[in-house]
Amino acid sequence: MNRWIFAAIVFAIGVIGPASAGTMYRGLLQPDVKVGTSVGGFIFANGHVLEGNTFTSQRTATGEYDITFKGQFGHEGCGALVANGWKKAVLIRVLPRVCSPNSFFTVEIFDPATGQPTDAEF
């Protein structure tokens, strides 16, 4: 009988542990959180959107772009923006401005050789 106790404990941990952990973490999210929502796009150096229809873009200065998402992402509408240069190596800084009702960001692009603002596709 004692030899089966160890096997029963291992089985119980293997079956009940993941189920209870999933239930616990599910309760940490707010009811209005949209998990897994992601969008993508491509913006020309002049600020025009080539790909993507869930946001707008406007070039406001050399190397500076305002991005506004249409609609909310997650709790209280806060989204996360990740930007990468396309044709040339650049440094990009993303500044969140407003979370609700639409997410609004400023993207700043710099030439890594000079540190000066530069226009670039992203």
PDB file of N, CA and C in Angstrom:
ATOM      1  N   MET A   1       0.818  -1.195   0.000  1.00  0.00           N
ATOM      2  CA  MET A   1       0.000   0.000   0.000  1.00  0.00           C
ATOM      3  C   MET A   1       0.860   1.255   0.000  1.00  0.00           C
ATOM      4  N   ASN A   2       1.932   1.292   0.791  1.00  0.00           N
ATOM      5  CA  ASN A   2       2.782   2.466   0.893  1.00  0.00           C
ATOM      6  C   ASN A   2       3.492   2.785  -0.417  1.00  0.00           C
ATOM      7  N   ARG A   3       3.789   1.794  -1.224  1.00  0.00           N
ATOM      8  CA  ARG A   3       4.472   2.056  -2.480  1.00  0.00           C
ATOM      9  C   ARG A   3       3.584   2.816  -3.453  1.00  0.00           C
ATOM     10  N   TRP A   4       2.286   2.774  -3.321  1.00  0.00           N
ATOM     11  CA  TRP A   4       1.361   3.469  -4.218  1.00  0.00           C
ATOM     12  C   TRP A   4       1.105   4.912  -3.783  1.00  0.00           C
ATOM     13  N   ILE A   5       1.445   5.251  -2.554  1.00  0.00           N
ATOM     14  CA  ILE A   5       1.220   6.614  -2.061  1.00  0.00           C
ATOM     15  C   ILE A   5       2.068   7.613  -2.859  1.00  0.00           C
ATOM     16  N   PHE A   6       3.332   7.307  -3.069  1.00  0.00           N
ATOM     17  CA  PHE A   6       4.210   8.199  -3.831  1.00  0.00           C
ATOM     18  C   PHE A   6       3.678   8.400  -5.254  1.00  0.00           C
ATOM     19  N   ALA A   7       3.265   7.331  -5.917  1.00  0.00           N
ATOM     20  CA  ALA A   7       2.724   7.421  -7.274  1.00  0.00           C
ATOM     21  C   ALA A   7       1.441   8.248  -7.292  1.00  0.00           C
ATOM     22  N   ALA A   8       0.598   8.105  -6.293  1.00  0.00           N
ATOM     23  CA  ALA A   8      -0.660   8.858  -6.230  1.00  0.00           C
ATOM     24  C   ALA A   8      -0.385  10.345  -6.043  1.00  0.00           C
ATOM     25  N   ILE A   9       0.604  10.692  -5.218  1.00  0.00           N
ATOM     26  CA  ILE A   9       0.955  12.102  -4.995  1.00  0.00           C
ATOM     27  C   ILE A   9       1.494  12.716  -6.278  1.00  0.00           C
ATOM     28  N   VAL A  10       2.390  12.029  -6.977  1.00  0.00           N
ATOM     29  CA  VAL A  10       2.948  12.526  -8.232  1.00  0.00           C
ATOM     30  C   VAL A  10       1.843  12.700  -9.267  1.00  0.00           C
ATOM     31  N   PHE A  11       0.939  11.740  -9.355  1.00  0.00           N
ATOM     32  CA  PHE A  11      -0.170  11.834 -10.297  1.00  0.00           C
ATOM     33  C   PHE A  11      -1.071  13.032  -9.966  1.00  0.00           C
ATOM     34  N   ALA A  12      -1.387  13.212  -8.696  1.00  0.00           N
ATOM     35  CA  ALA A  12      -2.255  14.319  -8.284  1.00  0.00           C
ATOM     36  C   ALA A  12      -1.613  15.663  -8.606  1.00  0.00           C
ATOM     37  N   ILE A  13      -0.338  15.810  -8.348  1.00  0.00           N
ATOM     38  CA  ILE A  13       0.364  17.063  -8.657  1.00  0.00           C
ATOM     39  C   ILE A  13       0.388  17.285 -10.166  1.00  0.00           C
ATOM     40  N   GLY A  14       0.635  16.241 -10.935  1.00  0.00           N
ATOM     41  CA  GLY A  14       0.698  16.361 -12.386  1.00  0.00           C
ATOM     42  C   GLY A  14      -0.630  16.718 -13.022  1.00  0.00           C
ATOM     43  N   VAL A  15      -1.734  16.255 -12.451  1.00  0.00           N
ATOM     44  CA  VAL A  15      -3.046  16.513 -13.036  1.00  0.00           C
ATOM     45  C   VAL A  15      -3.691  17.765 -12.453  1.00  0.00           C
ATOM     46  N   ILE A  16      -3.697  17.901 -11.163  1.00  0.00           N
ATOM     47  CA  ILE A  16      -4.407  18.999 -10.503  1.00  0.00           C
ATOM     48  C   ILE A  16      -3.585  20.285 -10.515  1.00  0.00           C
ATOM     49  N   GLY A  17      -2.262  20.209 -10.443  1.00  0.00           N
ATOM     50  CA  GLY A  17      -1.412  21.408 -10.404  1.00  0.00           C
ATOM     51  C   GLY A  17      -1.616  22.342 -11.578  1.00  0.00           C
ATOM     52  N   PRO A  18      -1.466  21.872 -12.821  1.00  0.00           N
ATOM     53  CA  PRO A  18      -1.667  22.771 -13.963  1.00  0.00           C
ATOM     54  C   PRO A  18      -3.094  23.320 -14.048  1.00  0.00           C
ATOM     55  N   ALA A  19      -4.073  22.509 -13.706  1.00  0.00           N
ATOM     56  CA  ALA A  19      -5.461  22.976 -13.770  1.00  0.00           C
ATOM     57  C   ALA A  19      -5.702  24.092 -12.757  1.00  0.00           C
ATOM     58  N   SER A  20      -5.195  23.931 -11.553  1.00  0.00           N
ATOM     59  CA  SER A  20      -5.420  24.975 -10.544  1.00  0.00           C
ATOM     60  C   SER A  20      -4.600  26.219 -10.865  1.00  0.00           C
ATOM     61  N   ALA A  21      -3.400  26.070 -11.434  1.00  0.00           N
ATOM     62  CA  ALA A  21      -2.591  27.237 -11.804  1.00  0.00           C
ATOM     63  C   ALA A  21      -3.272  28.027 -12.910  1.00  0.00           C
ATOM     64  N   GLY A  22      -3.836  27.336 -13.892  1.00  0.00           N
ATOM     65  CA  GLY A  22      -4.557  28.026 -14.956  1.00  0.00           C
ATOM     66  C   GLY A  22      -5.745  28.795 -14.432  1.00  0.00           C
ATOM     67  N   THR A  23      -6.473  28.217 -13.488  1.00  0.00           N
ATOM     68  CA  THR A  23      -7.617  28.901 -12.888  1.00  0.00           C
ATOM     69  C   THR A  23      -7.162  30.112 -12.099  1.00  0.00           C
ATOM     70  N   MET A  24      -6.054  30.000 -11.375  1.00  0.00           N
ATOM     71  CA  MET A  24      -5.557  31.109 -10.574  1.00  0.00           C
ATOM     72  C   MET A  24      -5.138  32.272 -11.464  1.00  0.00           C
ATOM     73  N   TYR A  25      -4.378  32.020 -12.535  1.00  0.00           N
ATOM     74  CA  TYR A  25      -3.903  33.098 -13.392  1.00  0.00           C
ATOM     75  C   TYR A  25      -5.030  33.727 -14.197  1.00  0.00           C
ATOM     76  N   ARG A  26      -6.030  32.939 -14.579  1.00  0.00           N
ATOM     77  CA  ARG A  26      -7.158  33.477 -15.314  1.00  0.00           C
ATOM     78  C   ARG A  26      -7.876  34.533 -14.471  1.00  0.00           C
ATOM     79  N   GLY A  27      -7.936  34.341 -13.179  1.00  0.00           N
ATOM     80  CA  GLY A  27      -8.610  35.280 -12.295  1.00  0.00           C
ATOM     81  C   GLY A  27      -7.867  36.598 -12.125  1.00  0.00           C
ATOM     82  N   LEU A  28      -6.583  36.663 -12.484  1.00  0.00           N
ATOM     83  CA  LEU A  28      -5.814  37.887 -12.343  1.00  0.00           C
ATOM     84  C   LEU A  28      -6.145  38.906 -13.428  1.00  0.00           C
ATOM     85  N   LEU A  29      -6.664  38.466 -14.567  1.00  0.00           N
ATOM     86  CA  LEU A  29      -6.992  39.374 -15.662  1.00  0.00           C
ATOM     87  C   LEU A  29      -8.328  40.055 -15.406  1.00  0.00           C
ATOM     88  N   GLN A  30      -8.429  41.290 -15.818  1.00  0.00           N
ATOM     89  CA  GLN A  30      -9.686  42.000 -15.730  1.00  0.00           C
ATOM     90  C   GLN A  30     -10.640  41.451 -16.786  1.00  0.00           C
ATOM     91  N   PRO A  31     -11.956  41.546 -16.578  1.00  0.00           N
ATOM     92  CA  PRO A  31     -12.908  40.970 -17.524  1.00  0.00           C
ATOM     93  C   PRO A  31     -12.826  41.577 -18.928  1.00  0.00           C
ATOM     94  N   ASP A  32     -12.402  42.836 -19.055  1.00  0.00           N
ATOM     95  CA  ASP A  32     -12.392  43.477 -20.366  1.00  0.00           C
ATOM     96  C   ASP A  32     -11.046  43.388 -21.074  1.00  0.00           C
ATOM     97  N   VAL A  33     -10.108  42.594 -20.555  1.00  0.00           N
ATOM     98  CA  VAL A  33      -8.801  42.458 -21.190  1.00  0.00           C
ATOM     99  C   VAL A  33      -8.919  41.564 -22.417  1.00  0.00           C
ATOM    100  N   LYS A  34      -8.437  42.068 -23.535  1.00  0.00           N
ATOM    101  CA  LYS A  34      -8.428  41.293 -24.770  1.00  0.00           C
ATOM    102  C   LYS A  34      -7.047  40.668 -24.906  1.00  0.00           C
ATOM    103  N   VAL A  35      -6.944  39.391 -24.655  1.00  0.00           N
ATOM    104  CA  VAL A  35      -5.666  38.707 -24.693  1.00  0.00           C
ATOM    105  C   VAL A  35      -5.352  38.303 -26.131  1.00  0.00           C
ATOM    106  N   GLY A  36      -4.146  38.589 -26.575  1.00  0.00           N
ATOM    107  CA  GLY A  36      -3.702  38.140 -27.871  1.00  0.00           C
ATOM    108  C   GLY A  36      -4.068  39.045 -29.029  1.00  0.00           C
ATOM    109  N   THR A  37      -4.558  40.240 -28.763  1.00  0.00           N
ATOM    110  CA  THR A  37      -4.874  41.157 -29.850  1.00  0.00           C
ATOM    111  C   THR A  37      -3.587  41.774 -30.361  1.00  0.00           C
ATOM    112  N   SER A  38      -3.316  41.611 -31.647  1.00  0.00           N
ATOM    113  CA  SER A  38      -2.130  42.235 -32.216  1.00  0.00           C
ATOM    114  C   SER A  38      -2.447  42.700 -33.631  1.00  0.00           C
ATOM    115  N   VAL A  39      -1.821  43.778 -34.003  1.00  0.00           N
ATOM    116  CA  VAL A  39      -1.976  44.330 -35.346  1.00  0.00           C
ATOM    117  C   VAL A  39      -0.590  44.653 -35.869  1.00  0.00           C
ATOM    118  N   GLY A  40      -0.487  44.812 -37.168  1.00  0.00           N
ATOM    119  CA  GLY A  40       0.794  45.153 -37.758  1.00  0.00           C
ATOM    120  C   GLY A  40       0.594  46.138 -38.885  1.00  0.00           C
ATOM    121  N   GLY A  41       1.686  46.705 -39.321  1.00  0.00           N
ATOM    122  CA  GLY A  41       1.592  47.639 -40.421  1.00  0.00           C
ATOM    123  C   GLY A  41       2.953  48.115 -40.865  1.00  0.00           C
ATOM    124  N   PHE A  42       2.924  48.990 -41.854  1.00  0.00           N
ATOM    125  CA  PHE A  42       4.152  49.551 -42.405  1.00  0.00           C
ATOM    126  C   PHE A  42       3.898  51.021 -42.703  1.00  0.00           C
ATOM    127  N   ILE A  43       4.818  51.880 -42.283  1.00  0.00           N
ATOM    128  CA  ILE A  43       4.662  53.322 -42.456  1.00  0.00           C
ATOM    129  C   ILE A  43       5.854  53.854 -43.248  1.00  0.00           C
ATOM    130  N   PHE A  44       5.546  54.612 -44.316  1.00  0.00           N
ATOM    131  CA  PHE A  44       6.588  55.251 -45.111  1.00  0.00           C
ATOM    132  C   PHE A  44       7.250  56.376 -44.316  1.00  0.00           C
ATOM    133  N   ALA A  45       8.416  56.815 -44.775  1.00  0.00           N
ATOM    134  CA  ALA A  45       9.148  57.901 -44.113  1.00  0.00           C
ATOM    135  C   ALA A  45       8.361  59.202 -44.112  1.00  0.00           C
ATOM    136  N   ASN A  46       7.455  59.379 -45.059  1.00  0.00           N
ATOM    137  CA  ASN A  46       6.652  60.612 -45.098  1.00  0.00           C
ATOM    138  C   ASN A  46       5.422  60.538 -44.196  1.00  0.00           C
ATOM    139  N   GLY A  47       5.221  59.392 -43.503  1.00  0.00           N
ATOM    140  CA  GLY A  47       4.120  59.245 -42.568  1.00  0.00           C
ATOM    141  C   GLY A  47       2.902  58.539 -43.115  1.00  0.00           C
ATOM    142  N   HIS A  48       2.858  58.277 -44.414  1.00  0.00           N
ATOM    143  CA  HIS A  48       1.715  57.582 -44.999  1.00  0.00           C
ATOM    144  C   HIS A  48       1.759  56.095 -44.662  1.00  0.00           C
ATOM    145  N   VAL A  49       0.593  55.534 -44.395  1.00  0.00           N
ATOM    146  CA  VAL A  49       0.491  54.117 -44.049  1.00  0.00           C
ATOM    147  C   VAL A  49       0.417  53.291 -45.326  1.00  0.00           C
ATOM    148  N   LEU A  50       1.363  52.360 -45.492  1.00  0.00           N
ATOM    149  CA  LEU A  50       1.337  51.446 -46.632  1.00  0.00           C
ATOM    150  C   LEU A  50       0.476  50.235 -46.296  1.00  0.00           C
ATOM    151  N   GLU A  51       0.708  49.654 -45.133  1.00  0.00           N
ATOM    152  CA  GLU A  51      -0.038  48.479 -44.698  1.00  0.00           C
ATOM    153  C   GLU A  51      -0.568  48.724 -43.295  1.00  0.00           C
ATOM    154  N   GLY A  52      -1.776  48.256 -43.041  1.00  0.00           N
ATOM    155  CA  GLY A  52      -2.401  48.398 -41.732  1.00  0.00           C
ATOM    156  C   GLY A  52      -3.609  49.309 -41.831  1.00  0.00           C
ATOM    157  N   ASN A  53      -4.703  48.870 -41.228  1.00  0.00           N
ATOM    158  CA  ASN A  53      -5.913  49.685 -41.268  1.00  0.00           C
ATOM    159  C   ASN A  53      -6.507  49.930 -39.887  1.00  0.00           C
ATOM    160  N   THR A  54      -5.788  49.572 -38.853  1.00  0.00           N
ATOM    161  CA  THR A  54      -6.293  49.772 -37.494  1.00  0.00           C
ATOM    162  C   THR A  54      -5.637  50.968 -36.809  1.00  0.00           C
ATOM    163  N   PHE A  55      -4.870  51.751 -37.569  1.00  0.00           N
ATOM    164  CA  PHE A  55      -4.204  52.906 -37.001  1.00  0.00           C
ATOM    165  C   PHE A  55      -4.012  53.974 -38.069  1.00  0.00           C
ATOM    166  N   THR A  56      -3.747  55.179 -37.607  1.00  0.00           N
ATOM    167  CA  THR A  56      -3.388  56.273 -38.513  1.00  0.00           C
ATOM    168  C   THR A  56      -2.007  56.763 -38.127  1.00  0.00           C
ATOM    169  N   SER A  57      -1.336  57.410 -39.074  1.00  0.00           N
ATOM    170  CA  SER A  57       0.008  57.917 -38.836  1.00  0.00           C
ATOM    171  C   SER A  57       0.118  59.316 -39.423  1.00  0.00           C
ATOM    172  N   GLN A  58       0.859  60.155 -38.728  1.00  0.00           N
ATOM    173  CA  GLN A  58       1.117  61.502 -39.233  1.00  0.00           C
ATOM    174  C   GLN A  58       2.549  61.881 -38.885  1.00  0.00           C
ATOM    175  N   ARG A  59       3.315  62.308 -39.884  1.00  0.00           N
ATOM    176  CA  ARG A  59       4.674  62.810 -39.649  1.00  0.00           C
ATOM    177  C   ARG A  59       4.535  64.241 -39.148  1.00  0.00           C
ATOM    178  N   THR A  60       5.058  64.517 -37.957  1.00  0.00           N
ATOM    179  CA  THR A  60       4.904  65.838 -37.353  1.00  0.00           C
ATOM    180  C   THR A  60       6.178  66.670 -37.415  1.00  0.00           C
ATOM    181  N   ALA A  61       7.323  66.024 -37.588  1.00  0.00           N
ATOM    182  CA  ALA A  61       8.618  66.706 -37.700  1.00  0.00           C
ATOM    183  C   ALA A  61       9.609  65.690 -38.253  1.00  0.00           C
ATOM    184  N   THR A  62      10.819  66.117 -38.515  1.00  0.00           N
ATOM    185  CA  THR A  62      11.838  65.189 -38.994  1.00  0.00           C
ATOM    186  C   THR A  62      12.034  64.090 -37.957  1.00  0.00           C
ATOM    187  N   GLY A  63      11.802  62.855 -38.373  1.00  0.00           N
ATOM    188  CA  GLY A  63      11.985  61.713 -37.490  1.00  0.00           C
ATOM    189  C   GLY A  63      10.925  61.552 -36.419  1.00  0.00           C
ATOM    190  N   GLU A  64       9.816  62.264 -36.505  1.00  0.00           N
ATOM    191  CA  GLU A  64       8.777  62.179 -35.477  1.00  0.00           C
ATOM    192  C   GLU A  64       7.426  61.890 -36.117  1.00  0.00           C
ATOM    193  N   TYR A  65       6.752  60.862 -35.595  1.00  0.00           N
ATOM    194  CA  TYR A  65       5.486  60.394 -36.142  1.00  0.00           C
ATOM    195  C   TYR A  65       4.493  60.176 -35.005  1.00  0.00           C
ATOM    196  N   ASP A  66       3.255  60.588 -35.218  1.00  0.00           N
ATOM    197  CA  ASP A  66       2.174  60.317 -34.269  1.00  0.00           C
ATOM    198  C   ASP A  66       1.350  59.158 -34.803  1.00  0.00           C
ATOM    199  N   ILE A  67       1.172  58.128 -33.975  1.00  0.00           N
ATOM    200  CA  ILE A  67       0.426  56.938 -34.339  1.00  0.00           C
ATOM    201  C   ILE A  67      -0.790  56.851 -33.428  1.00  0.00           C
ATOM    202  N   THR A  68      -1.977  56.748 -34.014  1.00  0.00           N
ATOM    203  CA  THR A  68      -3.215  56.624 -33.244  1.00  0.00           C
ATOM    204  C   THR A  68      -3.924  55.342 -33.665  1.00  0.00           C
ATOM    205  N   PHE A  69      -4.183  54.469 -32.696  1.00  0.00           N
ATOM    206  CA  PHE A  69      -4.898  53.230 -32.971  1.00  0.00           C
ATOM    207  C   PHE A  69      -6.395  53.481 -32.894  1.00  0.00           C
ATOM    208  N   LYS A  70      -7.129  52.862 -33.796  1.00  0.00           N
ATOM    209  CA  LYS A  70      -8.586  52.968 -33.831  1.00  0.00           C
ATOM    210  C   LYS A  70      -9.151  51.856 -32.953  1.00  0.00           C
ATOM    211  N   GLY A  71      -9.628  52.198 -31.784  1.00  0.00           N
ATOM    212  CA  GLY A  71     -10.186  51.200 -30.882  1.00  0.00           C
ATOM    213  C   GLY A  71      -9.267  50.923 -29.718  1.00  0.00           C
ATOM    214  N   GLN A  72      -9.781  50.138 -28.789  1.00  0.00           N
ATOM    215  CA  GLN A  72      -9.053  49.871 -27.559  1.00  0.00           C
ATOM    216  C   GLN A  72      -8.343  48.532 -27.613  1.00  0.00           C
ATOM    217  N   PHE A  73      -7.246  48.470 -26.878  1.00  0.00           N
ATOM    218  CA  PHE A  73      -6.486  47.241 -26.721  1.00  0.00           C
ATOM    219  C   PHE A  73      -6.350  46.972 -25.233  1.00  0.00           C
ATOM    220  N   GLY A  74      -6.972  45.899 -24.772  1.00  0.00           N
ATOM    221  CA  GLY A  74      -6.785  45.491 -23.397  1.00  0.00           C
ATOM    222  C   GLY A  74      -7.423  46.403 -22.381  1.00  0.00           C
ATOM    223  N   HIS A  75      -6.975  46.273 -21.149  1.00  0.00           N
ATOM    224  CA  HIS A  75      -7.540  46.984 -20.007  1.00  0.00           C
ATOM    225  C   HIS A  75      -7.385  48.496 -20.181  1.00  0.00           C
ATOM    226  N   GLU A  76      -8.463  49.204 -20.126  1.00  0.00           N
ATOM    227  CA  GLU A  76      -8.502  50.657 -20.242  1.00  0.00           C
ATOM    228  C   GLU A  76      -7.911  51.157 -21.558  1.00  0.00           C
ATOM    229  N   GLY A  77      -7.892  50.316 -22.578  1.00  0.00           N
ATOM    230  CA  GLY A  77      -7.470  50.751 -23.890  1.00  0.00           C
ATOM    231  C   GLY A  77      -5.974  50.885 -24.105  1.00  0.00           C
ATOM    232  N   CYS A  78      -5.150  50.539 -23.136  1.00  0.00           N
ATOM    233  CA  CYS A  78      -3.707  50.707 -23.291  1.00  0.00           C
ATOM    234  C   CYS A  78      -3.122  49.621 -24.184  1.00  0.00           C
ATOM    235  N   GLY A  79      -2.431  50.052 -25.207  1.00  0.00           N
ATOM    236  CA  GLY A  79      -1.755  49.109 -26.088  1.00  0.00           C
ATOM    237  C   GLY A  79      -0.255  49.233 -25.926  1.00  0.00           C
ATOM    238  N   ALA A  80       0.464  48.374 -26.567  1.00  0.00           N
ATOM    239  CA  ALA A  80       1.921  48.440 -26.586  1.00  0.00           C
ATOM    240  C   ALA A  80       2.354  48.541 -28.038  1.00  0.00           C
ATOM    241  N   LEU A  81       3.302  49.385 -28.311  1.00  0.00           N
ATOM    242  CA  LEU A  81       3.767  49.577 -29.680  1.00  0.00           C
ATOM    243  C   LEU A  81       5.236  49.210 -29.762  1.00  0.00           C
ATOM    244  N   VAL A  82       5.568  48.408 -30.750  1.00  0.00           N
ATOM    245  CA  VAL A  82       6.945  48.040 -31.034  1.00  0.00           C
ATOM    246  C   VAL A  82       7.226  48.467 -32.472  1.00  0.00           C
ATOM    247  N   ALA A  83       8.306  49.196 -32.696  1.00  0.00           N
ATOM    248  CA  ALA A  83       8.635  49.683 -34.037  1.00  0.00           C
ATOM    249  C   ALA A  83      10.066  49.292 -34.385  1.00  0.00           C
ATOM    250  N   ASN A  84      10.255  48.900 -35.621  1.00  0.00           N
ATOM    251  CA  ASN A  84      11.574  48.529 -36.137  1.00  0.00           C
ATOM    252  C   ASN A  84      11.812  49.248 -37.450  1.00  0.00           C
ATOM    253  N   GLY A  85      13.056  49.668 -37.678  1.00  0.00           N
ATOM    254  CA  GLY A  85      13.409  50.267 -38.956  1.00  0.00           C
ATOM    255  C   GLY A  85      13.350  49.233 -40.059  1.00  0.00           C
ATOM    256  N   TRP A  86      13.174  49.704 -41.303  1.00  0.00           N
ATOM    257  CA  TRP A  86      13.045  48.762 -42.399  1.00  0.00           C
ATOM    258  C   TRP A  86      14.227  48.798 -43.354  1.00  0.00           C
ATOM    259  N   LYS A  87      14.473  49.901 -44.038  1.00  0.00           N
ATOM    260  CA  LYS A  87      15.522  49.933 -45.062  1.00  0.00           C
ATOM    261  C   LYS A  87      16.900  50.296 -44.531  1.00  0.00           C
ATOM    262  N   LYS A  88      16.969  51.007 -43.432  1.00  0.00           N
ATOM    263  CA  LYS A  88      18.272  51.398 -42.906  1.00  0.00           C
ATOM    264  C   LYS A  88      18.289  51.239 -41.394  1.00  0.00           C
ATOM    265  N   ALA A  89      19.485  51.143 -40.862  1.00  0.00           N
ATOM    266  CA  ALA A  89      19.632  51.003 -39.415  1.00  0.00           C
ATOM    267  C   ALA A  89      19.287  52.323 -38.740  1.00  0.00           C
ATOM    268  N   VAL A  90      18.364  52.282 -37.805  1.00  0.00           N
ATOM    269  CA  VAL A  90      17.952  53.474 -37.077  1.00  0.00           C
ATOM    270  C   VAL A  90      17.720  53.117 -35.617  1.00  0.00           C
ATOM    271  N   LEU A  91      17.722  54.138 -34.789  1.00  0.00           N
ATOM    272  CA  LEU A  91      17.328  53.995 -33.389  1.00  0.00           C
ATOM    273  C   LEU A  91      15.910  54.525 -33.275  1.00  0.00           C
ATOM    274  N   ILE A  92      15.035  53.772 -32.614  1.00  0.00           N
ATOM    275  CA  ILE A  92      13.631  54.167 -32.509  1.00  0.00           C
ATOM    276  C   ILE A  92      13.234  54.231 -31.045  1.00  0.00           C
ATOM    277  N   ARG A  93      12.576  55.332 -30.694  1.00  0.00           N
ATOM    278  CA  ARG A  93      12.031  55.497 -29.347  1.00  0.00           C
ATOM    279  C   ARG A  93      10.515  55.650 -29.481  1.00  0.00           C
ATOM    280  N   VAL A  94       9.775  54.852 -28.708  1.00  0.00           N
ATOM    281  CA  VAL A  94       8.314  54.906 -28.720  1.00  0.00           C
ATOM    282  C   VAL A  94       7.849  55.512 -27.403  1.00  0.00           C
ATOM    283  N   LEU A  95       7.052  56.573 -27.512  1.00  0.00           N
ATOM    284  CA  LEU A  95       6.550  57.270 -26.332  1.00  0.00           C
ATOM    285  C   LEU A  95       5.033  57.150 -26.267  1.00  0.00           C
ATOM    286  N   PRO A  96       4.497  56.416 -25.280  1.00  0.00           N
ATOM    287  CA  PRO A  96       3.041  56.358 -25.147  1.00  0.00           C
ATOM    288  C   PRO A  96       2.508  57.709 -24.670  1.00  0.00           C
ATOM    289  N   ARG A  97       1.434  58.182 -25.271  1.00  0.00           N
ATOM    290  CA  ARG A  97       0.868  59.486 -24.927  1.00  0.00           C
ATOM    291  C   ARG A  97      -0.484  59.368 -24.235  1.00  0.00           C
ATOM    292  N   VAL A  98      -1.402  58.626 -24.830  1.00  0.00           N
ATOM    293  CA  VAL A  98      -2.760  58.487 -24.298  1.00  0.00           C
ATOM    294  C   VAL A  98      -3.177  57.027 -24.428  1.00  0.00           C
ATOM    295  N   CYS A  99      -3.901  56.506 -23.429  1.00  0.00           N
ATOM    296  CA  CYS A  99      -4.345  55.111 -23.485  1.00  0.00           C
ATOM    297  C   CYS A  99      -5.810  54.969 -23.859  1.00  0.00           C
ATOM    298  N   SER A 100      -6.647  55.887 -23.516  1.00  0.00           N
ATOM    299  CA  SER A 100      -8.071  55.678 -23.719  1.00  0.00           C
ATOM    300  C   SER A 100      -8.729  56.969 -24.157  1.00  0.00           C
ATOM    301  N   PRO A 101      -9.689  56.984 -25.060  1.00  0.00           N
ATOM    302  CA  PRO A 101     -10.356  55.809 -25.626  1.00  0.00           C
ATOM    303  C   PRO A 101      -9.559  55.136 -26.737  1.00  0.00           C
ATOM    304  N   ASN A 102      -8.609  55.818 -27.365  1.00  0.00           N
ATOM    305  CA  ASN A 102      -7.738  55.210 -28.376  1.00  0.00           C
ATOM    306  C   ASN A 102      -6.291  55.332 -27.918  1.00  0.00           C
ATOM    307  N   SER A 103      -5.483  54.338 -28.250  1.00  0.00           N
ATOM    308  CA  SER A 103      -4.064  54.401 -27.898  1.00  0.00           C
ATOM    309  C   SER A 103      -3.356  55.357 -28.851  1.00  0.00           C
ATOM    310  N   PHE A 104      -2.548  56.255 -28.291  1.00  0.00           N
ATOM    311  CA  PHE A 104      -1.847  57.275 -29.074  1.00  0.00           C
ATOM    312  C   PHE A 104      -0.381  57.261 -28.677  1.00  0.00           C
ATOM    313  N   PHE A 105       0.506  57.174 -29.674  1.00  0.00           N
ATOM    314  CA  PHE A 105       1.939  57.093 -29.437  1.00  0.00           C
ATOM    315  C   PHE A 105       2.677  58.100 -30.309  1.00  0.00           C
ATOM    316  N   THR A 106       3.843  58.514 -29.845  1.00  0.00           N
ATOM    317  CA  THR A 106       4.780  59.259 -30.669  1.00  0.00           C
ATOM    318  C   THR A 106       5.986  58.362 -30.899  1.00  0.00           C
ATOM    319  N   VAL A 107       6.374  58.233 -32.154  1.00  0.00           N
ATOM    320  CA  VAL A 107       7.550  57.443 -32.526  1.00  0.00           C
ATOM    321  C   VAL A 107       8.626  58.416 -32.981  1.00  0.00           C
ATOM    322  N   GLU A 108       9.802  58.316 -32.372  1.00  0.00           N
ATOM    323  CA  GLU A 108      10.938  59.162 -32.735  1.00  0.00           C
ATOM    324  C   GLU A 108      12.031  58.272 -33.332  1.00  0.00           C
ATOM    325  N   ILE A 109      12.575  58.710 -34.469  1.00  0.00           N
ATOM    326  CA  ILE A 109      13.594  57.930 -35.171  1.00  0.00           C
ATOM    327  C   ILE A 109      14.874  58.748 -35.275  1.00  0.00           C
ATOM    328  N   PHE A 110      16.006  58.101 -34.952  1.00  0.00           N
ATOM    329  CA  PHE A 110      17.303  58.777 -34.939  1.00  0.00           C
ATOM    330  C   PHE A 110      18.313  58.012 -35.787  1.00  0.00           C
ATOM    331  N   ASP A 111      19.220  58.747 -36.411  1.00  0.00           N
ATOM    332  CA  ASP A 111      20.353  58.166 -37.127  1.00  0.00           C
ATOM    333  C   ASP A 111      21.375  57.734 -36.082  1.00  0.00           C
ATOM    334  N   PRO A 112      21.753  56.456 -36.031  1.00  0.00           N
ATOM    335  CA  PRO A 112      22.682  56.008 -34.997  1.00  0.00           C
ATOM    336  C   PRO A 112      24.079  56.608 -35.137  1.00  0.00           C
ATOM    337  N   ALA A 113      24.469  57.030 -36.340  1.00  0.00           N
ATOM    338  CA  ALA A 113      25.809  57.590 -36.541  1.00  0.00           C
ATOM    339  C   ALA A 113      25.913  59.010 -36.003  1.00  0.00           C
ATOM    340  N   THR A 114      24.839  59.778 -36.132  1.00  0.00           N
ATOM    341  CA  THR A 114      24.893  61.192 -35.733  1.00  0.00           C
ATOM    342  C   THR A 114      24.069  61.506 -34.497  1.00  0.00           C
ATOM    343  N   GLY A 115      23.083  60.659 -34.189  1.00  0.00           N
ATOM    344  CA  GLY A 115      22.189  60.937 -33.077  1.00  0.00           C
ATOM    345  C   GLY A 115      21.111  61.952 -33.415  1.00  0.00           C
ATOM    346  N   GLN A 116      21.062  62.379 -34.656  1.00  0.00           N
ATOM    347  CA  GLN A 116      20.093  63.379 -35.094  1.00  0.00           C
ATOM    348  C   GLN A 116      18.806  62.702 -35.581  1.00  0.00           C
ATOM    349  N   PRO A 117      17.663  63.391 -35.437  1.00  0.00           N
ATOM    350  CA  PRO A 117      16.410  62.844 -35.969  1.00  0.00           C
ATOM    351  C   PRO A 117      16.526  62.638 -37.472  1.00  0.00           C
ATOM    352  N   THR A 118      15.909  61.564 -37.946  1.00  0.00           N
ATOM    353  CA  THR A 118      15.917  61.251 -39.372  1.00  0.00           C
ATOM    354  C   THR A 118      14.593  60.589 -39.751  1.00  0.00           C
ATOM    355  N   ASP A 119      14.150  60.799 -40.973  1.00  0.00           N
ATOM    356  CA  ASP A 119      12.958  60.154 -41.477  1.00  0.00           C
ATOM    357  C   ASP A 119      13.334  58.765 -41.988  1.00  0.00           C
ATOM    358  N   ALA A 120      12.503  57.774 -41.683  1.00  0.00           N
ATOM    359  CA  ALA A 120      12.769  56.410 -42.138  1.00  0.00           C
ATOM    360  C   ALA A 120      11.482  55.607 -42.124  1.00  0.00           C
ATOM    361  N   GLU A 121      11.432  54.586 -42.971  1.00  0.00           N
ATOM    362  CA  GLU A 121      10.311  53.666 -42.975  1.00  0.00           C
ATOM    363  C   GLU A 121      10.379  52.790 -41.726  1.00  0.00           C
ATOM    364  N   PHE A 122       9.219  52.461 -41.205  1.00  0.00           N
ATOM    365  CA  PHE A 122       9.163  51.542 -40.069  1.00  0.00           C
ATOM    366  C   PHE A 122       7.857  50.780 -40.085  1.00  0.00           C
TER     367      PHE A 122
END
